[in-house]
PDB file of N, CA and C in Angstrom:
ATOM      1  N   UNK A   1     -83.252 -32.376 125.531  1.00  0.00           N
ATOM      2  CA  UNK A   1     -82.309 -31.535 124.825  1.00  0.00           C
ATOM      3  C   UNK A   1     -82.722 -31.416 123.367  1.00  0.00           C
ATOM      4  N   UNK A   2     -83.678 -30.591 123.125  1.00  0.00           N
ATOM      5  CA  UNK A   2     -84.191 -30.414 121.779  1.00  0.00           C
ATOM      6  C   UNK A   2     -83.165 -29.755 120.861  1.00  0.00           C
ATOM      7  N   UNK A   3     -82.325 -28.851 121.393  1.00  0.00           N
ATOM      8  CA  UNK A   3     -81.332 -28.177 120.559  1.00  0.00           C
ATOM      9  C   UNK A   3     -80.330 -29.164 119.989  1.00  0.00           C
ATOM     10  N   UNK A   4     -80.004 -30.213 120.746  1.00  0.00           N
ATOM     11  CA  UNK A   4     -79.072 -31.234 120.276  1.00  0.00           C
ATOM     12  C   UNK A   4     -79.670 -32.002 119.103  1.00  0.00           C
ATOM     13  N   UNK A   5     -80.933 -32.322 119.199  1.00  0.00           N
ATOM     14  CA  UNK A   5     -81.599 -33.028 118.104  1.00  0.00           C
ATOM     15  C   UNK A   5     -81.712 -32.149 116.869  1.00  0.00           C
ATOM     16  N   UNK A   6     -81.999 -30.878 117.064  1.00  0.00           N
ATOM     17  CA  UNK A   6     -82.078 -29.944 115.935  1.00  0.00           C
ATOM     18  C   UNK A   6     -80.715 -29.809 115.271  1.00  0.00           C
ATOM     19  N   UNK A   7     -79.662 -29.713 116.065  1.00  0.00           N
ATOM     20  CA  UNK A   7     -78.315 -29.604 115.513  1.00  0.00           C
ATOM     21  C   UNK A   7     -77.951 -30.848 114.708  1.00  0.00           C
ATOM     22  N   UNK A   8     -78.242 -32.011 115.241  1.00  0.00           N
ATOM     23  CA  UNK A   8     -77.951 -33.254 114.518  1.00  0.00           C
ATOM     24  C   UNK A   8     -78.734 -33.348 113.221  1.00  0.00           C
ATOM     25  N   UNK A   9     -79.996 -32.960 113.274  1.00  0.00           N
ATOM     26  CA  UNK A   9     -80.827 -33.013 112.073  1.00  0.00           C
ATOM     27  C   UNK A   9     -80.309 -32.045 111.008  1.00  0.00           C
ATOM     28  N   UNK A  10     -79.976 -30.822 111.410  1.00  0.00           N
ATOM     29  CA  UNK A  10     -79.446 -29.845 110.452  1.00  0.00           C
ATOM     30  C   UNK A  10     -78.106 -30.291 109.892  1.00  0.00           C
ATOM     31  N   UNK A  11     -77.270 -30.867 110.722  1.00  0.00           N
ATOM     32  CA  UNK A  11     -75.984 -31.371 110.259  1.00  0.00           C
ATOM     33  C   UNK A  11     -76.172 -32.510 109.268  1.00  0.00           C
ATOM     34  N   UNK A  12     -77.124 -33.382 109.548  1.00  0.00           N
ATOM     35  CA  UNK A  12     -77.416 -34.480 108.634  1.00  0.00           C
ATOM     36  C   UNK A  12     -77.926 -33.958 107.299  1.00  0.00           C
ATOM     37  N   UNK A  13     -78.806 -32.962 107.330  1.00  0.00           N
ATOM     38  CA  UNK A  13     -79.334 -32.402 106.089  1.00  0.00           C
ATOM     39  C   UNK A  13     -78.237 -31.745 105.255  1.00  0.00           C
ATOM     40  N   UNK A  14     -77.299 -31.073 105.902  1.00  0.00           N
ATOM     41  CA  UNK A  14     -76.207 -30.427 105.179  1.00  0.00           C
ATOM     42  C   UNK A  14     -75.240 -31.429 104.564  1.00  0.00           C
ATOM     43  N   UNK A  15     -75.038 -32.559 105.205  1.00  0.00           N
ATOM     44  CA  UNK A  15     -74.019 -33.496 104.738  1.00  0.00           C
ATOM     45  C   UNK A  15     -74.559 -34.594 103.832  1.00  0.00           C
ATOM     46  N   UNK A  16     -75.864 -34.761 103.746  1.00  0.00           N
ATOM     47  CA  UNK A  16     -76.388 -35.852 102.923  1.00  0.00           C
ATOM     48  C   UNK A  16     -76.541 -35.405 101.479  1.00  0.00           C
ATOM     49  N   UNK A  17     -76.265 -36.319 100.579  1.00  0.00           N
ATOM     50  CA  UNK A  17     -76.312 -36.030  99.148  1.00  0.00           C
ATOM     51  C   UNK A  17     -77.627 -36.425  98.497  1.00  0.00           C
ATOM     52  N   UNK A  18     -78.478 -37.131  99.173  1.00  0.00           N
ATOM     53  CA  UNK A  18     -79.691 -37.643  98.542  1.00  0.00           C
ATOM     54  C   UNK A  18     -80.865 -36.682  98.633  1.00  0.00           C
ATOM     55  N   UNK A  19     -80.794 -35.664  99.470  1.00  0.00           N
ATOM     56  CA  UNK A  19     -81.951 -34.797  99.692  1.00  0.00           C
ATOM     57  C   UNK A  19     -82.269 -33.940  98.472  1.00  0.00           C
ATOM     58  N   UNK A  20     -81.265 -33.347  97.854  1.00  0.00           N
ATOM     59  CA  UNK A  20     -81.511 -32.494  96.688  1.00  0.00           C
ATOM     60  C   UNK A  20     -82.125 -33.294  95.532  1.00  0.00           C
ATOM     61  N   UNK A  21     -81.574 -34.463  95.144  1.00  0.00           N
ATOM     62  CA  UNK A  21     -82.248 -35.225  94.089  1.00  0.00           C
ATOM     63  C   UNK A  21     -83.643 -35.706  94.496  1.00  0.00           C
ATOM     64  N   UNK A  22     -83.822 -35.996  95.777  1.00  0.00           N
ATOM     65  CA  UNK A  22     -85.123 -36.462  96.263  1.00  0.00           C
ATOM     66  C   UNK A  22     -86.195 -35.391  96.061  1.00  0.00           C
ATOM     67  N   UNK A  23     -85.822 -34.133  96.193  1.00  0.00           N
ATOM     68  CA  UNK A  23     -86.757 -33.032  95.974  1.00  0.00           C
ATOM     69  C   UNK A  23     -86.799 -32.641  94.501  1.00  0.00           C
ATOM     70  N   UNK A  24     -85.648 -32.650  93.832  1.00  0.00           N
ATOM     71  CA  UNK A  24     -85.558 -32.145  92.463  1.00  0.00           C
ATOM     72  C   UNK A  24     -86.235 -33.049  91.444  1.00  0.00           C
ATOM     73  N   UNK A  25     -86.173 -34.348  91.617  1.00  0.00           N
ATOM     74  CA  UNK A  25     -86.740 -35.256  90.605  1.00  0.00           C
ATOM     75  C   UNK A  25     -88.261 -35.130  90.527  1.00  0.00           C
ATOM     76  N   UNK A  26     -89.008 -35.207  91.626  1.00  0.00           N
ATOM     77  CA  UNK A  26     -90.457 -34.999  91.498  1.00  0.00           C
ATOM     78  C   UNK A  26     -90.815 -33.599  90.996  1.00  0.00           C
ATOM     79  N   UNK A  27     -90.063 -32.592  91.441  1.00  0.00           N
ATOM     80  CA  UNK A  27     -90.307 -31.234  90.968  1.00  0.00           C
ATOM     81  C   UNK A  27     -90.089 -31.129  89.460  1.00  0.00           C
ATOM     82  N   UNK A  28     -89.049 -31.764  88.963  1.00  0.00           N
ATOM     83  CA  UNK A  28     -88.778 -31.761  87.522  1.00  0.00           C
ATOM     84  C   UNK A  28     -89.877 -32.471  86.756  1.00  0.00           C
ATOM     85  N   UNK A  29     -90.370 -33.577  87.278  1.00  0.00           N
ATOM     86  CA  UNK A  29     -91.435 -34.307  86.596  1.00  0.00           C
ATOM     87  C   UNK A  29     -92.697 -33.459  86.486  1.00  0.00           C
ATOM     88  N   UNK A  30     -93.037 -32.754  87.537  1.00  0.00           N
ATOM     89  CA  UNK A  30     -94.227 -31.901  87.512  1.00  0.00           C
ATOM     90  C   UNK A  30     -94.018 -30.709  86.578  1.00  0.00           C
ATOM     91  N   UNK A  31     -92.879 -30.036  86.707  1.00  0.00           N
ATOM     92  CA  UNK A  31     -92.622 -28.854  85.885  1.00  0.00           C
ATOM     93  C   UNK A  31     -92.509 -29.178  84.402  1.00  0.00           C
ATOM     94  N   UNK A  32     -91.941 -30.332  84.067  1.00  0.00           N
ATOM     95  CA  UNK A  32     -91.841 -30.679  82.645  1.00  0.00           C
ATOM     96  C   UNK A  32     -93.219 -30.903  82.035  1.00  0.00           C
ATOM     97  N   UNK A  33     -94.110 -31.531  82.767  1.00  0.00           N
ATOM     98  CA  UNK A  33     -95.480 -31.717  82.255  1.00  0.00           C
ATOM     99  C   UNK A  33     -96.199 -30.384  82.085  1.00  0.00           C
ATOM    100  N   UNK A  34     -96.044 -29.497  83.071  1.00  0.00           N
ATOM    101  CA  UNK A  34     -96.689 -28.188  82.993  1.00  0.00           C
ATOM    102  C   UNK A  34     -96.142 -27.397  81.807  1.00  0.00           C
ATOM    103  N   UNK A  35     -94.829 -27.403  81.624  1.00  0.00           N
ATOM    104  CA  UNK A  35     -94.236 -26.655  80.516  1.00  0.00           C
ATOM    105  C   UNK A  35     -94.592 -27.255  79.161  1.00  0.00           C
ATOM    106  N   UNK A  36     -94.711 -28.567  79.069  1.00  0.00           N
ATOM    107  CA  UNK A  36     -95.126 -29.182  77.810  1.00  0.00           C
ATOM    108  C   UNK A  36     -96.548 -28.762  77.441  1.00  0.00           C
ATOM    109  N   UNK A  37     -97.430 -28.729  78.422  1.00  0.00           N
ATOM    110  CA  UNK A  37     -98.808 -28.297  78.141  1.00  0.00           C
ATOM    111  C   UNK A  37     -98.868 -26.821  77.788  1.00  0.00           C
ATOM    112  N   UNK A  38     -98.076 -26.004  78.487  1.00  0.00           N
ATOM    113  CA  UNK A  38     -98.036 -24.584  78.154  1.00  0.00           C
ATOM    114  C   UNK A  38     -97.468 -24.362  76.754  1.00  0.00           C
ATOM    115  N   UNK A  39     -96.475 -25.161  76.381  1.00  0.00           N
ATOM    116  CA  UNK A  39     -95.888 -25.042  75.047  1.00  0.00           C
ATOM    117  C   UNK A  39     -96.907 -25.414  73.981  1.00  0.00           C
ATOM    118  N   UNK A  40     -97.680 -26.458  74.234  1.00  0.00           N
ATOM    119  CA  UNK A  40     -98.699 -26.860  73.268  1.00  0.00           C
ATOM    120  C   UNK A  40     -99.786 -25.791  73.138  1.00  0.00           C
ATOM    121  N   UNK A  41    -100.151 -25.165  74.238  1.00  0.00           N
ATOM    122  CA  UNK A  41    -101.194 -24.127  74.192  1.00  0.00           C
ATOM    123  C   UNK A  41    -100.697 -22.822  73.581  1.00  0.00           C
ATOM    124  N   UNK A  42     -99.491 -22.410  73.932  1.00  0.00           N
ATOM    125  CA  UNK A  42     -99.001 -21.104  73.520  1.00  0.00           C
ATOM    126  C   UNK A  42     -98.167 -21.123  72.240  1.00  0.00           C
ATOM    127  N   UNK A  43     -97.633 -22.272  71.869  1.00  0.00           N
ATOM    128  CA  UNK A  43     -96.823 -22.369  70.659  1.00  0.00           C
ATOM    129  C   UNK A  43     -95.516 -21.600  70.760  1.00  0.00           C
ATOM    130  N   UNK A  44     -94.849 -21.709  71.892  1.00  0.00           N
ATOM    131  CA  UNK A  44     -93.588 -20.995  72.100  1.00  0.00           C
ATOM    132  C   UNK A  44     -92.521 -21.481  71.134  1.00  0.00           C
ATOM    133  N   UNK A  45     -91.656 -20.582  70.738  1.00  0.00           N
ATOM    134  CA  UNK A  45     -90.433 -20.944  70.020  1.00  0.00           C
ATOM    135  C   UNK A  45     -89.291 -20.213  70.697  1.00  0.00           C
ATOM    136  N   UNK A  46     -88.323 -20.938  71.151  1.00  0.00           N
ATOM    137  CA  UNK A  46     -87.191 -20.353  71.845  1.00  0.00           C
ATOM    138  C   UNK A  46     -86.124 -19.986  70.829  1.00  0.00           C
ATOM    139  N   UNK A  47     -85.964 -18.732  70.564  1.00  0.00           N
ATOM    140  CA  UNK A  47     -84.966 -18.197  69.642  1.00  0.00           C
ATOM    141  C   UNK A  47     -85.111 -18.755  68.230  1.00  0.00           C
ATOM    142  N   UNK A  48     -86.253 -19.277  67.900  1.00  0.00           N
ATOM    143  CA  UNK A  48     -86.519 -19.745  66.548  1.00  0.00           C
ATOM    144  C   UNK A  48     -85.784 -21.011  66.150  1.00  0.00           C
ATOM    145  N   UNK A  49     -85.386 -21.838  67.113  1.00  0.00           N
ATOM    146  CA  UNK A  49     -84.675 -23.070  66.781  1.00  0.00           C
ATOM    147  C   UNK A  49     -85.621 -24.107  66.210  1.00  0.00           C
ATOM    148  N   UNK A  50     -85.116 -24.873  65.257  1.00  0.00           N
ATOM    149  CA  UNK A  50     -85.888 -26.011  64.755  1.00  0.00           C
ATOM    150  C   UNK A  50     -85.629 -27.199  65.676  1.00  0.00           C
ATOM    151  N   UNK A  51     -86.191 -28.328  65.338  1.00  0.00           N
ATOM    152  CA  UNK A  51     -86.002 -29.530  66.162  1.00  0.00           C
ATOM    153  C   UNK A  51     -84.535 -29.945  66.162  1.00  0.00           C
ATOM    154  N   UNK A  52     -83.883 -29.896  65.013  1.00  0.00           N
ATOM    155  CA  UNK A  52     -82.470 -30.294  64.966  1.00  0.00           C
ATOM    156  C   UNK A  52     -81.586 -29.309  65.735  1.00  0.00           C
ATOM    157  N   UNK A  53     -81.923 -28.026  65.688  1.00  0.00           N
ATOM    158  CA  UNK A  53     -81.166 -27.047  66.459  1.00  0.00           C
ATOM    159  C   UNK A  53     -81.321 -27.256  67.951  1.00  0.00           C
ATOM    160  N   UNK A  54     -82.544 -27.550  68.386  1.00  0.00           N
ATOM    161  CA  UNK A  54     -82.778 -27.816  69.805  1.00  0.00           C
ATOM    162  C   UNK A  54     -82.058 -29.081  70.245  1.00  0.00           C
ATOM    163  N   UNK A  55     -82.029 -30.104  69.385  1.00  0.00           N
ATOM    164  CA  UNK A  55     -81.308 -31.336  69.719  1.00  0.00           C
ATOM    165  C   UNK A  55     -79.809 -31.082  69.822  1.00  0.00           C
ATOM    166  N   UNK A  56     -79.277 -30.235  68.959  1.00  0.00           N
ATOM    167  CA  UNK A  56     -77.847 -29.913  69.021  1.00  0.00           C
ATOM    168  C   UNK A  56     -77.507 -29.189  70.316  1.00  0.00           C
ATOM    169  N   UNK A  57     -78.356 -28.266  70.728  1.00  0.00           N
ATOM    170  CA  UNK A  57     -78.119 -27.562  71.995  1.00  0.00           C
ATOM    171  C   UNK A  57     -78.220 -28.535  73.162  1.00  0.00           C
ATOM    172  N   UNK A  58     -79.201 -29.424  73.123  1.00  0.00           N
ATOM    173  CA  UNK A  58     -79.358 -30.415  74.185  1.00  0.00           C
ATOM    174  C   UNK A  58     -78.127 -31.311  74.271  1.00  0.00           C
ATOM    175  N   UNK A  59     -77.599 -31.752  73.132  1.00  0.00           N
ATOM    176  CA  UNK A  59     -76.405 -32.599  73.134  1.00  0.00           C
ATOM    177  C   UNK A  59     -75.197 -31.846  73.682  1.00  0.00           C
ATOM    178  N   UNK A  60     -75.098 -30.552  73.379  1.00  0.00           N
ATOM    179  CA  UNK A  60     -73.987 -29.757  73.914  1.00  0.00           C
ATOM    180  C   UNK A  60     -74.095 -29.628  75.429  1.00  0.00           C
ATOM    181  N   UNK A  61     -75.297 -29.439  75.937  1.00  0.00           N
ATOM    182  CA  UNK A  61     -75.485 -29.321  77.388  1.00  0.00           C
ATOM    183  C   UNK A  61     -75.160 -30.643  78.075  1.00  0.00           C
ATOM    184  N   UNK A  62     -75.590 -31.748  77.493  1.00  0.00           N
ATOM    185  CA  UNK A  62     -75.293 -33.063  78.076  1.00  0.00           C
ATOM    186  C   UNK A  62     -73.792 -33.315  78.076  1.00  0.00           C
ATOM    187  N   UNK A  63     -73.129 -32.989  76.992  1.00  0.00           N
ATOM    188  CA  UNK A  63     -71.682 -33.179  76.913  1.00  0.00           C
ATOM    189  C   UNK A  63     -70.959 -32.326  77.950  1.00  0.00           C
ATOM    190  N   UNK A  64     -71.367 -31.076  78.091  1.00  0.00           N
ATOM    191  CA  UNK A  64     -70.734 -30.200  79.082  1.00  0.00           C
ATOM    192  C   UNK A  64     -70.979 -30.703  80.499  1.00  0.00           C
ATOM    193  N   UNK A  65     -72.166 -31.213  80.768  1.00  0.00           N
ATOM    194  CA  UNK A  65     -72.479 -31.732  82.099  1.00  0.00           C
ATOM    195  C   UNK A  65     -71.639 -32.964  82.420  1.00  0.00           C
ATOM    196  N   UNK A  66     -71.527 -33.876  81.480  1.00  0.00           N
ATOM    197  CA  UNK A  66     -70.710 -35.072  81.713  1.00  0.00           C
ATOM    198  C   UNK A  66     -69.239 -34.710  81.884  1.00  0.00           C
ATOM    199  N   UNK A  67     -68.758 -33.737  81.137  1.00  0.00           N
ATOM    200  CA  UNK A  67     -67.379 -33.281  81.291  1.00  0.00           C
ATOM    201  C   UNK A  67     -67.162 -32.710  82.681  1.00  0.00           C
ATOM    202  N   UNK A  68     -68.111 -31.926  83.157  1.00  0.00           N
ATOM    203  CA  UNK A  68     -68.012 -31.349  84.500  1.00  0.00           C
ATOM    204  C   UNK A  68     -67.993 -32.440  85.570  1.00  0.00           C
ATOM    205  N   UNK A  69     -68.826 -33.461  85.409  1.00  0.00           N
ATOM    206  CA  UNK A  69     -68.869 -34.555  86.391  1.00  0.00           C
ATOM    207  C   UNK A  69     -67.543 -35.302  86.417  1.00  0.00           C
ATOM    208  N   UNK A  70     -66.998 -35.603  85.249  1.00  0.00           N
ATOM    209  CA  UNK A  70     -65.721 -36.316  85.184  1.00  0.00           C
ATOM    210  C   UNK A  70     -64.608 -35.473  85.805  1.00  0.00           C
ATOM    211  N   UNK A  71     -64.596 -34.182  85.507  1.00  0.00           N
ATOM    212  CA  UNK A  71     -63.585 -33.289  86.081  1.00  0.00           C
ATOM    213  C   UNK A  71     -63.715 -33.227  87.606  1.00  0.00           C
ATOM    214  N   UNK A  72     -64.935 -33.152  88.100  1.00  0.00           N
ATOM    215  CA  UNK A  72     -65.152 -33.056  89.542  1.00  0.00           C
ATOM    216  C   UNK A  72     -64.684 -34.316  90.259  1.00  0.00           C
ATOM    217  N   UNK A  73     -65.063 -35.480  89.755  1.00  0.00           N
ATOM    218  CA  UNK A  73     -64.645 -36.710  90.423  1.00  0.00           C
ATOM    219  C   UNK A  73     -63.152 -36.960  90.258  1.00  0.00           C
ATOM    220  N   UNK A  74     -62.584 -36.545  89.137  1.00  0.00           N
ATOM    221  CA  UNK A  74     -61.134 -36.644  88.982  1.00  0.00           C
ATOM    222  C   UNK A  74     -60.410 -35.779  89.997  1.00  0.00           C
ATOM    223  N   UNK A  75     -60.909 -34.565  90.205  1.00  0.00           N
ATOM    224  CA  UNK A  75     -60.317 -33.678  91.208  1.00  0.00           C
ATOM    225  C   UNK A  75     -60.466 -34.259  92.610  1.00  0.00           C
ATOM    226  N   UNK A  76     -61.599 -34.881  92.879  1.00  0.00           N
ATOM    227  CA  UNK A  76     -61.808 -35.508  94.182  1.00  0.00           C
ATOM    228  C   UNK A  76     -60.814 -36.642  94.406  1.00  0.00           C
ATOM    229  N   UNK A  77     -60.578 -37.436  93.387  1.00  0.00           N
ATOM    230  CA  UNK A  77     -59.601 -38.523  93.520  1.00  0.00           C
ATOM    231  C   UNK A  77     -58.197 -37.981  93.752  1.00  0.00           C
ATOM    232  N   UNK A  78     -57.826 -36.926  93.047  1.00  0.00           N
ATOM    233  CA  UNK A  78     -56.509 -36.332  93.257  1.00  0.00           C
ATOM    234  C   UNK A  78     -56.394 -35.785  94.673  1.00  0.00           C
ATOM    235  N   UNK A  79     -57.445 -35.131  95.158  1.00  0.00           N
ATOM    236  CA  UNK A  79     -57.416 -34.587  96.519  1.00  0.00           C
ATOM    237  C   UNK A  79     -57.258 -35.693  97.549  1.00  0.00           C
ATOM    238  N   UNK A  80     -57.942 -36.799  97.359  1.00  0.00           N
ATOM    239  CA  UNK A  80     -57.830 -37.918  98.299  1.00  0.00           C
ATOM    240  C   UNK A  80     -56.437 -38.533  98.238  1.00  0.00           C
ATOM    241  N   UNK A  81     -55.879 -38.665  97.039  1.00  0.00           N
ATOM    242  CA  UNK A  81     -54.540 -39.237  96.920  1.00  0.00           C
ATOM    243  C   UNK A  81     -53.477 -38.333  97.538  1.00  0.00           C
ATOM    244  N   UNK A  82     -53.567 -37.031  97.315  1.00  0.00           N
ATOM    245  CA  UNK A  82     -52.611 -36.103  97.919  1.00  0.00           C
ATOM    246  C   UNK A  82     -52.755 -36.111  99.437  1.00  0.00           C
ATOM    247  N   UNK A  83     -53.991 -36.122  99.914  1.00  0.00           N
ATOM    248  CA  UNK A  83     -54.216 -36.133 101.351  1.00  0.00           C
ATOM    249  C   UNK A  83     -53.706 -37.427 101.983  1.00  0.00           C
ATOM    250  N   UNK A  84     -53.831 -38.537 101.280  1.00  0.00           N
ATOM    251  CA  UNK A  84     -53.369 -39.800 101.848  1.00  0.00           C
ATOM    252  C   UNK A  84     -51.851 -39.831 101.984  1.00  0.00           C
ATOM    253  N   UNK A  85     -51.149 -39.079 101.173  1.00  0.00           N
ATOM    254  CA  UNK A  85     -49.697 -39.026 101.298  1.00  0.00           C
ATOM    255  C   UNK A  85     -49.229 -38.074 102.383  1.00  0.00           C
ATOM    256  N   UNK A  86     -50.069 -37.128 102.762  1.00  0.00           N
ATOM    257  CA  UNK A  86     -49.642 -36.109 103.712  1.00  0.00           C
ATOM    258  C   UNK A  86     -50.317 -36.209 105.072  1.00  0.00           C
ATOM    259  N   UNK A  87     -51.475 -36.843 105.137  1.00  0.00           N
ATOM    260  CA  UNK A  87     -52.233 -36.874 106.383  1.00  0.00           C
ATOM    261  C   UNK A  87     -52.418 -38.305 106.857  1.00  0.00           C
ATOM    262  N   UNK A  88     -52.838 -38.450 108.095  1.00  0.00           N
ATOM    263  CA  UNK A  88     -53.120 -39.782 108.621  1.00  0.00           C
ATOM    264  C   UNK A  88     -54.500 -40.226 108.144  1.00  0.00           C
ATOM    265  N   UNK A  89     -54.757 -41.513 108.133  1.00  0.00           N
ATOM    266  CA  UNK A  89     -56.073 -41.994 107.693  1.00  0.00           C
ATOM    267  C   UNK A  89     -57.229 -41.462 108.530  1.00  0.00           C
ATOM    268  N   UNK A  90     -57.013 -41.181 109.808  1.00  0.00           N
ATOM    269  CA  UNK A  90     -58.097 -40.656 110.637  1.00  0.00           C
ATOM    270  C   UNK A  90     -58.536 -39.275 110.166  1.00  0.00           C
ATOM    271  N   UNK A  91     -57.589 -38.444 109.813  1.00  0.00           N
ATOM    272  CA  UNK A  91     -57.934 -37.099 109.346  1.00  0.00           C
ATOM    273  C   UNK A  91     -58.646 -37.172 108.001  1.00  0.00           C
ATOM    274  N   UNK A  92     -58.187 -38.041 107.129  1.00  0.00           N
ATOM    275  CA  UNK A  92     -58.844 -38.196 105.830  1.00  0.00           C
ATOM    276  C   UNK A  92     -60.280 -38.653 106.025  1.00  0.00           C
ATOM    277  N   UNK A  93     -60.469 -39.601 106.913  1.00  0.00           N
ATOM    278  CA  UNK A  93     -61.821 -40.127 107.134  1.00  0.00           C
ATOM    279  C   UNK A  93     -62.745 -39.080 107.728  1.00  0.00           C
ATOM    280  N   UNK A  94     -62.225 -38.249 108.603  1.00  0.00           N
ATOM    281  CA  UNK A  94     -63.109 -37.275 109.242  1.00  0.00           C
ATOM    282  C   UNK A  94     -63.315 -36.016 108.408  1.00  0.00           C
ATOM    283  N   UNK A  95     -62.349 -35.628 107.600  1.00  0.00           N
ATOM    284  CA  UNK A  95     -62.477 -34.383 106.847  1.00  0.00           C
ATOM    285  C   UNK A  95     -62.999 -34.625 105.432  1.00  0.00           C
ATOM    286  N   UNK A  96     -62.367 -35.481 104.680  1.00  0.00           N
ATOM    287  CA  UNK A  96     -62.702 -35.635 103.266  1.00  0.00           C
ATOM    288  C   UNK A  96     -63.842 -36.611 103.005  1.00  0.00           C
ATOM    289  N   UNK A  97     -63.944 -37.636 103.802  1.00  0.00           N
ATOM    290  CA  UNK A  97     -64.869 -38.718 103.478  1.00  0.00           C
ATOM    291  C   UNK A  97     -65.971 -38.857 104.520  1.00  0.00           C
ATOM    292  N   UNK A  98     -66.609 -37.770 104.890  1.00  0.00           N
ATOM    293  CA  UNK A  98     -67.669 -37.823 105.894  1.00  0.00           C
ATOM    294  C   UNK A  98     -68.890 -38.559 105.395  1.00  0.00           C
ATOM    295  N   UNK A  99     -69.141 -38.478 104.120  1.00  0.00           N
ATOM    296  CA  UNK A  99     -70.329 -39.095 103.570  1.00  0.00           C
ATOM    297  C   UNK A  99     -69.946 -40.388 102.867  1.00  0.00           C
ATOM    298  N   UNK A 100     -70.645 -41.452 103.151  1.00  0.00           N
ATOM    299  CA  UNK A 100     -70.329 -42.750 102.554  1.00  0.00           C
ATOM    300  C   UNK A 100     -70.552 -42.769 101.056  1.00  0.00           C
ATOM    301  N   UNK A 101     -71.513 -41.988 100.569  1.00  0.00           N
ATOM    302  CA  UNK A 101     -71.793 -41.955  99.143  1.00  0.00           C
ATOM    303  C   UNK A 101     -70.624 -41.363  98.375  1.00  0.00           C
ATOM    304  N   UNK A 102     -69.973 -40.349  98.910  1.00  0.00           N
ATOM    305  CA  UNK A 102     -68.792 -39.770  98.266  1.00  0.00           C
ATOM    306  C   UNK A 102     -67.682 -40.804  98.194  1.00  0.00           C
ATOM    307  N   UNK A 103     -67.492 -41.541  99.258  1.00  0.00           N
ATOM    308  CA  UNK A 103     -66.488 -42.598  99.266  1.00  0.00           C
ATOM    309  C   UNK A 103     -66.830 -43.656  98.230  1.00  0.00           C
ATOM    310  N   UNK A 104     -68.100 -44.002  98.115  1.00  0.00           N
ATOM    311  CA  UNK A 104     -68.513 -45.002  97.147  1.00  0.00           C
ATOM    312  C   UNK A 104     -68.219 -44.551  95.722  1.00  0.00           C
ATOM    313  N   UNK A 105     -68.527 -43.275  95.404  1.00  0.00           N
ATOM    314  CA  UNK A 105     -68.229 -42.749  94.075  1.00  0.00           C
ATOM    315  C   UNK A 105     -66.730 -42.740  93.813  1.00  0.00           C
ATOM    316  N   UNK A 106     -65.950 -42.324  94.798  1.00  0.00           N
ATOM    317  CA  UNK A 106     -64.501 -42.253  94.629  1.00  0.00           C
ATOM    318  C   UNK A 106     -63.908 -43.639  94.391  1.00  0.00           C
ATOM    319  N   UNK A 107     -64.347 -44.620  95.170  1.00  0.00           N
ATOM    320  CA  UNK A 107     -63.837 -45.979  95.000  1.00  0.00           C
ATOM    321  C   UNK A 107     -64.276 -46.580  93.675  1.00  0.00           C
ATOM    322  N   UNK A 108     -65.497 -46.299  93.272  1.00  0.00           N
ATOM    323  CA  UNK A 108     -65.989 -46.804  91.994  1.00  0.00           C
ATOM    324  C   UNK A 108     -65.211 -46.202  90.826  1.00  0.00           C
ATOM    325  N   UNK A 109     -64.962 -44.894  90.888  1.00  0.00           N
ATOM    326  CA  UNK A 109     -64.201 -44.237  89.821  1.00  0.00           C
ATOM    327  C   UNK A 109     -62.769 -44.748  89.783  1.00  0.00           C
ATOM    328  N   UNK A 110     -62.180 -44.963  90.950  1.00  0.00           N
ATOM    329  CA  UNK A 110     -60.821 -45.462  91.000  1.00  0.00           C
ATOM    330  C   UNK A 110     -60.764 -46.889  90.456  1.00  0.00           C
ATOM    331  N   UNK A 111     -61.769 -47.699  90.762  1.00  0.00           N
ATOM    332  CA  UNK A 111     -61.802 -49.073  90.270  1.00  0.00           C
ATOM    333  C   UNK A 111     -61.953 -49.093  88.750  1.00  0.00           C
ATOM    334  N   UNK A 112     -62.816 -48.247  88.205  1.00  0.00           N
ATOM    335  CA  UNK A 112     -63.003 -48.197  86.760  1.00  0.00           C
ATOM    336  C   UNK A 112     -61.755 -47.691  86.055  1.00  0.00           C
ATOM    337  N   UNK A 113     -61.089 -46.714  86.670  1.00  0.00           N
ATOM    338  CA  UNK A 113     -59.859 -46.197  86.073  1.00  0.00           C
ATOM    339  C   UNK A 113     -58.770 -47.288  86.070  1.00  0.00           C
ATOM    340  N   UNK A 114     -58.708 -48.052  87.145  1.00  0.00           N
ATOM    341  CA  UNK A 114     -57.738 -49.139  87.211  1.00  0.00           C
ATOM    342  C   UNK A 114     -58.037 -50.227  86.209  1.00  0.00           C
ATOM    343  N   UNK A 115     -59.317 -50.541  86.002  1.00  0.00           N
ATOM    344  CA  UNK A 115     -59.707 -51.561  85.023  1.00  0.00           C
ATOM    345  C   UNK A 115     -59.397 -51.127  83.602  1.00  0.00           C
ATOM    346  N   UNK A 116     -59.594 -49.840  83.288  1.00  0.00           N
ATOM    347  CA  UNK A 116     -59.337 -49.368  81.933  1.00  0.00           C
ATOM    348  C   UNK A 116     -57.841 -49.332  81.642  1.00  0.00           C
ATOM    349  N   UNK A 117     -56.995 -49.122  82.662  1.00  0.00           N
ATOM    350  CA  UNK A 117     -55.562 -49.124  82.458  1.00  0.00           C
ATOM    351  C   UNK A 117     -55.061 -50.548  82.237  1.00  0.00           C
ATOM    352  N   UNK A 118     -55.649 -51.519  82.936  1.00  0.00           N
ATOM    353  CA  UNK A 118     -55.234 -52.910  82.807  1.00  0.00           C
ATOM    354  C   UNK A 118     -55.534 -53.468  81.434  1.00  0.00           C
ATOM    355  N   UNK A 119     -56.572 -52.986  80.796  1.00  0.00           N
ATOM    356  CA  UNK A 119     -56.970 -53.562  79.509  1.00  0.00           C
ATOM    357  C   UNK A 119     -56.225 -52.958  78.403  1.00  0.00           C
TER     358      UNK A 119
END
């Protein structure tokens, strides 16, 4: 039953969170080296920013990314809490928490939030 194996493999690829970083990190390492060499050869200037201007833009992007991550995990925690009040644990486990890594992030965030409130 080859179709069953293909279905399981495709389902696993869709639900796993490690595949995108596994591909993106080596790709980023290669592309950053290529772009650094091209920048040294061509002398590109992006919109005429100086080093301090580029650092300010980089800090803004990092801040926005961290804000997005915090908002996303906060929303996930709220969704799990609302679902736990309205649904049975079996439905929560099968619908919301299919991936163990998502559960790990949610529990870690909840633990850190609880620790910060206690202090």
